[in-house]
Protein backbone atom coordinates (compact mmCIF):
# COMPACT_ATOMS: atom_id res chain seq x y z
CA MET A 1 79.80 115.07 48.01
CA ILE A 2 82.98 116.46 47.00
CA LEU A 3 81.85 119.47 49.33
CA ALA A 4 81.45 117.03 52.34
CA THR A 5 85.06 115.50 51.59
CA LEU A 6 86.50 119.07 51.56
CA ALA A 7 84.69 119.76 54.53
CA ALA A 8 86.11 116.34 56.37
CA ILE A 9 89.18 117.14 55.65
CA PHE A 10 89.73 121.07 56.40
CA VAL A 11 86.97 121.41 59.23
CA GLY A 12 88.14 118.29 61.16
CA PRO A 13 91.21 119.01 62.29
CA ALA A 14 90.71 122.65 63.14
CA ALA A 15 87.82 121.20 65.39
CA ALA A 16 90.20 118.53 67.03
CA HIS A 17 92.69 121.55 67.60
CA ALA A 18 90.07 123.49 69.53
CA ALA A 19 89.92 121.07 72.08
CA PRO A 20 92.24 122.73 75.21
CA TYR A 21 95.10 119.61 75.73
CA PRO A 22 97.52 119.17 78.52
CA ILE A 23 101.16 120.56 77.32
CA GLY A 24 103.05 117.41 78.43
CA GLU A 25 102.52 114.01 80.37
CA PRO A 26 101.12 114.66 83.66
CA ALA A 27 104.14 114.37 86.51
CA SER A 28 105.00 115.16 89.93
CA SER A 29 107.68 115.36 92.35
CA VAL A 30 108.44 116.44 95.89
CA SER A 31 111.63 118.00 97.05
CA ASP A 32 111.98 115.68 100.22
CA GLY A 33 109.97 112.17 100.84
CA VAL A 34 110.54 112.47 104.52
CA VAL A 35 109.34 115.77 106.64
CA PRO A 36 109.27 116.38 110.15
CA ASP A 37 105.67 117.41 111.80
CA GLY A 38 105.16 121.04 110.67
CA GLY A 39 107.98 120.92 107.89
CA THR A 40 107.69 122.11 104.63
CA LEU A 41 108.60 120.50 101.23
CA THR A 42 108.33 121.90 97.45
CA PHE A 43 105.42 119.90 95.50
CA SER A 44 105.89 120.48 91.51
CA GLY A 45 103.74 118.91 89.05
CA SER A 46 102.86 119.70 85.44
CA GLY A 47 100.70 118.54 82.50
CA PHE A 48 97.99 120.82 83.25
CA GLY A 49 96.09 123.58 81.10
CA ALA A 50 97.86 126.86 80.77
CA GLY A 51 96.89 129.29 83.55
CA GLU A 52 94.41 126.06 85.20
CA LEU A 53 93.45 126.21 88.80
CA VAL A 54 95.26 123.10 90.73
CA GLN A 55 93.93 122.15 93.86
CA ILE A 56 96.41 120.67 96.33
CA THR A 57 95.55 118.44 98.90
CA ALA A 58 96.42 115.77 101.31
CA VAL A 59 94.97 112.87 102.47
CA TYR A 60 96.13 111.01 106.01
CA GLY A 61 94.33 107.91 106.81
CA GLY A 62 91.85 108.65 104.46
CA LYS A 63 90.91 111.95 105.49
CA VAL A 64 91.31 114.33 102.72
CA TYR A 65 92.77 118.14 103.91
CA VAL A 66 92.75 120.75 101.16
CA LEU A 67 95.91 122.49 101.45
CA LYS A 68 95.78 125.42 98.95
CA THR A 69 94.83 126.44 95.06
CA VAL A 70 97.19 127.53 92.92
CA ARG A 71 97.34 128.66 89.29
CA ALA A 72 99.49 126.76 86.82
CA SER A 73 101.69 128.78 84.64
CA ALA A 74 101.77 129.06 80.95
CA ASP A 75 103.65 125.72 80.22
CA GLY A 76 100.70 124.14 82.69
CA SER A 77 103.46 123.35 85.45
CA PHE A 78 103.03 124.29 88.99
CA ARG A 79 105.40 124.82 91.82
CA THR A 80 104.44 125.35 95.82
CA VAL A 81 105.66 125.02 99.13
CA VAL A 82 102.81 123.20 101.13
CA ALA A 83 103.56 122.78 105.28
CA LEU A 84 102.80 119.04 106.62
CA SER A 85 101.45 118.61 110.34
CA ILE A 86 100.32 115.31 110.65
CA VAL A 87 102.59 112.56 111.70
CA GLY A 88 102.12 109.55 109.50
CA SER A 89 101.82 108.73 105.67
CA ALA A 90 100.46 111.43 103.69
CA VAL A 91 99.66 111.21 99.87
CA LEU A 92 99.74 114.47 98.17
CA THR A 93 97.35 115.12 95.27
CA ALA A 94 97.25 117.89 92.52
CA THR A 95 93.90 117.91 90.81
CA GLY A 96 93.45 120.16 87.79
CA GLN A 97 90.35 121.86 88.03
CA GLU A 98 89.20 122.13 84.36
CA SER A 99 91.24 119.47 82.81
CA GLY A 100 91.01 116.71 85.77
CA VAL A 101 94.59 116.16 85.55
CA VAL A 102 95.62 114.42 88.75
CA VAL A 103 99.10 113.46 89.77
CA VAL A 104 99.96 112.25 93.33
CA GLN A 105 103.13 112.12 95.68
CA ASN A 106 103.58 110.09 98.75
CA VAL A 107 105.25 111.58 101.70
CA ARG A 108 106.02 110.70 105.45
CA VAL A 109 105.83 113.02 108.20
CA THR A 110 107.78 112.31 111.40
CA ALA A 111 107.91 113.51 114.65
CA ASP A 112 110.32 116.08 115.59
CA GLY A 113 113.65 115.11 115.74
CA ASP A 114 112.92 111.50 114.15
CA GLY A 115 114.72 111.99 110.95
CA GLY A 116 114.00 109.12 108.71
CA GLY A 117 115.63 110.52 105.43
CA ASP A 118 118.35 109.17 103.24
CA GLY A 119 120.36 112.48 103.59
CA ASP A 120 119.95 112.58 100.05
CA GLY A 121 116.28 114.31 100.25
CA GLY A 122 114.60 111.23 99.28
CA GLU A 123 112.45 108.85 100.99
CA ALA A 124 114.43 106.29 103.30
CA LEU A 125 113.73 102.69 102.04
CA PRO A 126 111.81 100.74 104.37
CA THR A 127 113.85 98.02 106.58
CA THR A 128 112.62 94.34 106.43
CA GLY A 129 114.18 91.43 108.36
CA PRO A 130 116.42 91.71 111.40
CA SER A 131 119.35 93.46 111.87
CA ILE A 132 123.07 92.53 111.76
CA GLY A 133 123.14 92.67 115.68
CA ASP A 134 120.32 90.64 115.75
CA MET A 135 121.43 88.05 113.04
CA ALA A 136 125.05 87.75 114.42
CA GLY A 137 123.09 86.89 118.17
CA MET A 138 121.13 84.13 116.43
CA LEU A 139 124.43 82.78 114.90
CA TYR A 140 126.26 82.27 117.89
CA GLY A 141 122.75 80.98 119.53
CA GLY A 142 122.62 78.38 117.03
CA VAL A 143 126.45 77.35 116.58
CA GLY A 144 126.12 77.23 120.65
CA ALA A 145 123.03 75.08 120.73
CA VAL A 146 124.98 72.68 118.11
CA LEU A 147 128.32 72.30 119.98
CA LEU A 148 126.16 71.79 123.61
CA GLY A 149 123.91 68.87 121.40
CA SER A 150 127.28 67.35 120.20
CA GLY A 151 128.75 67.82 123.59
CA ALA A 152 125.90 65.90 125.17
CA LEU A 153 125.94 62.88 122.26
CA TRP A 154 129.47 62.44 122.62
CA PHE A 155 129.17 62.16 126.42
CA THR A 156 126.14 59.83 126.31
CA ARG A 157 128.18 57.52 123.65
CA ARG A 158 131.39 57.54 125.83
CA ARG A 159 129.32 56.62 129.04
CA ARG A 160 127.57 54.08 127.20
CA ALA A 161 130.52 52.42 125.51
CA GLY A 162 132.23 52.48 129.39
CA SER A 163 129.43 50.75 130.74
CA ALA A 164 129.13 47.90 128.02
CA SER A 165 132.90 46.63 128.66
């Protein structure tokens, strides 16, 4: 019984250390969230096994395109340049071939000259609601309708008051 206890104390931890663990928490980033059609960006990730093969794919509208396979460095990270050539939203995925670690980044590919970035290399925020010009037009239209209705009401009451006497 004492031998079994000693074996559990000394052999158990050795078996746990034998399994390859990712270096750190999986993470990823892209150099730009919006790129022009045919443009490139840098896709980086970490949390993979040392020297592990990492497959880079892009998903456009549910269809998966394998872009390349890269090897993670000794610290479990990768950094690669990818070209994107289909206009629309794309999901970049890096999948560790041995560990199964997956990291994901969303990017938008715009038509040439479409721009769309925020000027800081990040993805532009979506625009919701009307623009300032549209709101001003609605405001002026509403004020005009209220004034027109008030004038018509005033004119009608004045006319009734004049015909009653």
